[in-house]
Protein backbone atom coordinates (compact mmCIF):
# COMPACT_ATOMS: atom_id res chain seq x y z
CA ARG A 1 7.67 -10.37 -9.04
CA ALA A 2 11.23 -9.33 -9.99
CA THR A 3 11.51 -7.70 -13.25
CA LEU A 4 15.01 -7.07 -15.27
CA ILE A 5 15.40 -3.81 -16.79
CA ASP A 6 18.13 -3.99 -19.49
CA PRO A 7 17.67 -1.56 -22.65
CA ARG A 8 19.85 -3.88 -24.68
CA PRO A 9 18.40 -6.41 -26.95
CA SER A 10 19.20 -9.96 -25.49
CA ALA A 11 17.90 -13.32 -24.30
CA LEU A 12 18.57 -15.98 -21.88
CA ALA A 13 20.92 -18.62 -23.17
CA LYS A 14 19.37 -22.16 -23.73
CA TRP A 15 21.15 -23.14 -20.72
CA GLN A 16 19.63 -20.44 -18.55
CA ARG A 17 15.81 -20.59 -19.57
CA LYS A 18 16.66 -24.61 -18.95
CA LEU A 19 17.88 -23.91 -15.28
CA LEU A 20 15.07 -21.57 -14.68
CA ARG A 21 12.47 -23.97 -15.89
CA LYS A 22 13.93 -26.83 -13.62
CA SER A 23 14.22 -24.32 -10.54
CA GLY A 24 10.53 -23.64 -10.45
CA CYS A 25 10.97 -20.16 -9.67
CA GLU A 26 8.58 -17.80 -11.27
CA PRO A 27 9.61 -16.34 -14.67
CA PHE A 28 11.02 -12.69 -14.10
CA GLY A 29 9.74 -10.07 -16.27
CA VAL A 30 11.90 -8.17 -18.76
CA ARG A 31 11.45 -4.55 -19.63
CA ARG A 32 13.77 -3.24 -22.78
CA GLU A 33 14.21 0.37 -21.45
CA LEU A 34 16.37 2.93 -19.55
CA PHE A 35 15.94 3.21 -15.95
CA GLY A 36 15.69 6.38 -13.84
CA GLU A 37 16.42 9.73 -15.18
CA ALA A 38 18.05 8.47 -18.33
CA GLY A 39 14.83 6.78 -19.33
CA GLY A 40 12.68 10.15 -18.57
CA GLU A 41 9.53 10.10 -16.88
CA ALA A 42 8.80 6.31 -17.90
CA GLY A 43 12.18 5.77 -16.29
CA MET A 44 11.58 7.52 -13.06
CA ALA A 45 8.06 5.84 -12.83
CA LEU A 46 9.87 2.34 -12.80
CA ALA A 47 11.98 3.55 -9.95
CA ARG A 48 9.11 4.79 -8.43
CA GLY A 49 6.51 1.85 -8.65
CA ALA A 50 9.39 -0.45 -7.31
CA ALA A 51 9.31 -2.03 -4.10
CA LEU A 52 13.36 -2.75 -3.91
CA VAL A 53 15.74 -1.64 -7.26
CA VAL A 54 19.14 -4.08 -6.95
CA GLY A 55 22.13 -3.78 -9.11
CA LEU A 56 24.58 -6.37 -9.35
CA HIS A 57 27.56 -5.67 -11.55
CA THR A 58 25.96 -2.48 -13.34
CA ASP A 59 29.41 -1.40 -14.37
CA GLU A 60 28.82 2.40 -15.57
CA VAL A 61 24.87 2.85 -14.66
CA THR A 62 25.81 2.27 -11.18
CA GLU A 63 25.55 5.62 -10.20
CA ALA A 64 22.28 6.33 -12.03
CA ILE A 65 20.47 3.67 -10.42
CA VAL A 66 21.48 5.11 -7.02
CA ASP A 67 20.34 8.49 -8.21
CA ALA A 68 16.98 6.95 -9.62
CA ALA A 69 16.45 5.32 -6.41
CA LEU A 70 17.07 8.03 -4.23
CA ALA A 71 14.86 10.42 -6.14
CA ALA A 72 12.02 8.02 -5.79
CA ARG A 73 12.91 7.42 -2.39
CA THR A 74 12.71 3.45 -3.07
CA PRO A 75 14.95 1.13 -0.90
CA PHE A 76 17.90 -0.10 -3.37
CA ALA A 77 20.97 -2.24 -2.86
CA VAL A 78 23.84 -2.13 -5.59
CA VAL A 79 26.74 -4.15 -5.56
CA PRO A 80 29.26 -1.73 -7.62
CA CYS A 81 32.43 -3.25 -9.38
CA CYS A 82 34.14 -1.06 -11.98
CA VAL A 83 34.80 2.51 -11.30
CA PHE A 84 35.06 3.85 -15.00
CA SER A 85 36.91 6.93 -13.76
CA ARG A 86 37.72 7.54 -17.22
CA LEU A 87 34.28 7.66 -18.35
CA PHE A 88 33.29 9.67 -15.29
CA PRO A 89 36.11 12.31 -14.99
CA GLY A 90 33.69 14.47 -12.84
CA ARG A 91 32.97 12.28 -9.87
CA ARG A 92 34.63 13.95 -6.92
CA LEU A 93 34.19 12.90 -3.21
CA ARG A 94 33.40 16.03 -0.93
CA SER A 95 37.01 16.46 -0.50
CA GLY A 96 37.50 17.03 -3.73
CA ARG A 97 39.49 13.98 -4.54
CA PRO A 98 38.70 12.35 -7.79
CA VAL A 99 36.99 8.60 -7.90
CA THR A 100 39.37 6.62 -9.17
CA SER A 101 39.30 3.11 -7.33
CA HIS A 102 36.38 0.71 -5.73
CA PRO A 103 36.79 2.18 -2.29
CA SER A 104 36.55 5.69 -3.38
CA LEU A 105 33.47 4.95 -5.73
CA VAL A 106 32.07 3.38 -2.45
CA ALA A 107 32.44 6.39 -0.61
CA TYR A 108 31.12 8.39 -3.25
CA LEU A 109 28.12 6.59 -3.54
CA LEU A 110 27.48 6.73 0.33
CA GLU A 111 27.89 10.37 0.31
CA LYS A 112 24.77 10.77 -1.77
CA HIS A 113 22.40 10.59 1.20
CA PRO A 114 23.07 10.38 4.83
CA ALA A 115 20.67 7.13 5.11
CA VAL A 116 22.89 5.20 2.50
CA ARG A 117 24.99 2.50 4.10
CA SER A 118 27.35 -0.22 3.07
CA ALA A 119 28.20 -3.45 4.28
CA ARG A 120 30.64 -6.71 3.30
CA LEU A 121 28.85 -9.57 1.86
CA GLY A 122 31.78 -11.96 2.60
CA PHE A 123 32.34 -13.70 -0.86
CA ALA A 124 35.47 -13.42 -3.06
CA GLY A 125 35.44 -10.31 -5.37
CA LYS A 126 33.95 -6.89 -4.84
CA ASP A 127 31.76 -7.81 -2.10
CA VAL A 128 30.66 -4.32 -0.41
CA VAL A 129 26.98 -3.76 -0.93
CA VAL A 130 25.85 -0.01 -1.04
CA PHE A 131 22.37 0.23 0.19
CA CYS A 132 19.42 2.17 1.88
CA THR A 133 16.13 0.98 3.23
CA ASP A 134 15.07 3.93 5.29
CA TYR A 135 15.09 7.49 4.19
CA GLY A 136 13.91 8.97 7.49
CA ALA A 137 11.69 11.87 7.62
CA PRO A 138 10.92 13.88 4.33
CA SER A 139 13.22 16.62 5.16
CA ASP A 140 15.80 14.42 4.58
CA ALA A 141 15.33 14.81 0.92
CA ALA A 142 17.09 18.10 1.04
CA HIS A 143 20.46 16.06 0.76
CA LEU A 144 19.53 14.65 -2.88
């Protein structure tokens, strides 16, 4: 079962509810709270309790999703889009270069753990997925 984690008060539009009903798909749950470290223990419990964490067009919370999944050793996949270099001026690659472009954001996320990978999804727009499905031996946790 899928659960949407979004602290913002919002609801599906009428056309979206209708489309979901017609699809026959099981409705998804919605949790109005912060995910990962920003949500404190409850937010980290969400990360630990997930079978998989997926983030699509997550804007400024992309790194927080990756960090929470890494800390919980939960498999994840994010499709980063916007860099927000002015909002996160402290982001630096291991080389010391600032993270100011989409390729450098992907590289920055890849540097977070040796098991993190990336792949192209093959559609128009930002089509790079950054993911981790296997963290390896528990001793690899030292890379977090």
